Amino acid sequence: MDKKKISNILIFIAVLIFGAMCFNVGFDYCDMLWGIRYLCYSAPSYVAFFVAIPYLIVIAIILIAAYILRKKDKNEN
């Protein structure tokens, strides 16, 4: 496989991970709001956004790898 095709696959994977991150953070935020109201959670609801940090790190790594592969493909041609 050429580097451009691998780069496109990595970008697609990053988009899928972004969708999973949005779903997970949204679910955790709703759970926190419900828990604060009915179960007396003591943490504030914005704590649910901390779940996004590992996702963002992985997305950044994947996008950097895709950029490097795309740049190497242009230099070879």
Protein backbone atom coordinates (compact mmCIF):
# COMPACT_ATOMS: atom_id res chain seq x y z
CA MET A 1 0.00 0.00 0.00
CA ASP A 2 1.19 3.48 -0.74
CA LYS A 3 1.59 6.10 1.94
CA LYS A 4 -1.31 8.24 0.74
CA LYS A 5 -3.76 5.36 1.12
CA ILE A 6 -2.45 4.60 4.62
CA SER A 7 -2.77 8.30 5.46
CA ASN A 8 -6.41 8.30 4.32
CA ILE A 9 -7.11 5.22 6.44
CA LEU A 10 -5.55 6.90 9.48
CA ILE A 11 -7.69 10.01 8.96
CA PHE A 12 -10.79 7.80 8.73
CA ILE A 13 -9.81 6.07 11.99
CA ALA A 14 -9.32 9.47 13.64
CA VAL A 15 -12.84 10.49 12.59
CA LEU A 16 -14.26 7.26 14.04
CA ILE A 17 -12.41 7.82 17.31
CA PHE A 18 -13.73 11.39 17.40
CA GLY A 19 -17.28 10.06 17.12
CA ALA A 20 -16.66 7.56 19.90
CA MET A 21 -15.22 10.35 22.04
CA CYS A 22 -18.29 12.53 21.52
CA PHE A 23 -20.61 9.65 22.40
CA ASN A 24 -18.65 8.70 25.51
CA VAL A 25 -18.26 12.25 26.83
CA GLY A 26 -21.93 13.03 26.17
CA PHE A 27 -23.06 9.90 27.96
CA ASP A 28 -20.78 10.57 30.93
CA TYR A 29 -21.94 14.19 31.12
CA CYS A 30 -25.60 13.16 31.16
CA ASP A 31 -24.79 10.53 33.78
CA MET A 32 -23.05 13.14 35.91
CA LEU A 33 -25.98 15.56 35.64
CA TRP A 34 -28.43 12.82 36.60
CA GLY A 35 -26.18 11.64 39.42
CA ILE A 36 -25.76 15.15 40.81
CA ARG A 37 -29.49 15.69 40.85
CA TYR A 38 -30.72 12.33 42.14
CA LEU A 39 -27.78 10.43 43.68
CA CYS A 40 -25.92 13.33 45.33
CA TYR A 41 -22.68 13.02 43.36
CA SER A 42 -20.19 15.45 44.84
CA ALA A 43 -18.10 16.10 41.71
CA PRO A 44 -19.15 18.87 39.32
CA SER A 45 -20.52 17.86 35.94
CA TYR A 46 -17.55 19.23 33.98
CA VAL A 47 -15.47 16.33 35.33
CA ALA A 48 -17.07 14.23 32.58
CA PHE A 49 -15.05 16.21 30.01
CA PHE A 50 -11.81 14.79 31.44
CA VAL A 51 -12.71 11.54 29.67
CA ALA A 52 -11.93 13.33 26.39
CA ILE A 53 -8.23 13.84 27.20
CA PRO A 54 -7.00 10.33 26.23
CA TYR A 55 -9.14 10.41 23.10
CA LEU A 56 -7.68 13.77 22.06
CA ILE A 57 -4.14 12.52 22.60
CA VAL A 58 -4.75 9.47 20.40
CA ILE A 59 -6.45 11.56 17.71
CA ALA A 60 -3.52 13.99 17.70
CA ILE A 61 -0.99 11.14 17.35
CA ILE A 62 -2.95 9.58 14.49
CA LEU A 63 -3.32 12.88 12.65
CA ILE A 64 0.39 13.67 13.05
CA ALA A 65 1.27 10.23 11.66
CA ALA A 66 -1.11 10.78 8.73
CA TYR A 67 0.45 14.18 8.03
CA ILE A 68 3.97 12.74 8.09
CA LEU A 69 2.99 9.92 5.73
CA ARG A 70 1.26 12.34 3.37
CA LYS A 71 4.31 14.63 3.39
CA LYS A 72 6.68 11.70 2.67
CA ASP A 73 4.45 10.58 -0.20
CA LYS A 74 4.63 14.06 -1.78
CA ASN A 75 8.43 14.15 -1.41
CA GLU A 76 8.84 10.78 -3.16
CA ASN A 77 6.77 11.83 -6.19
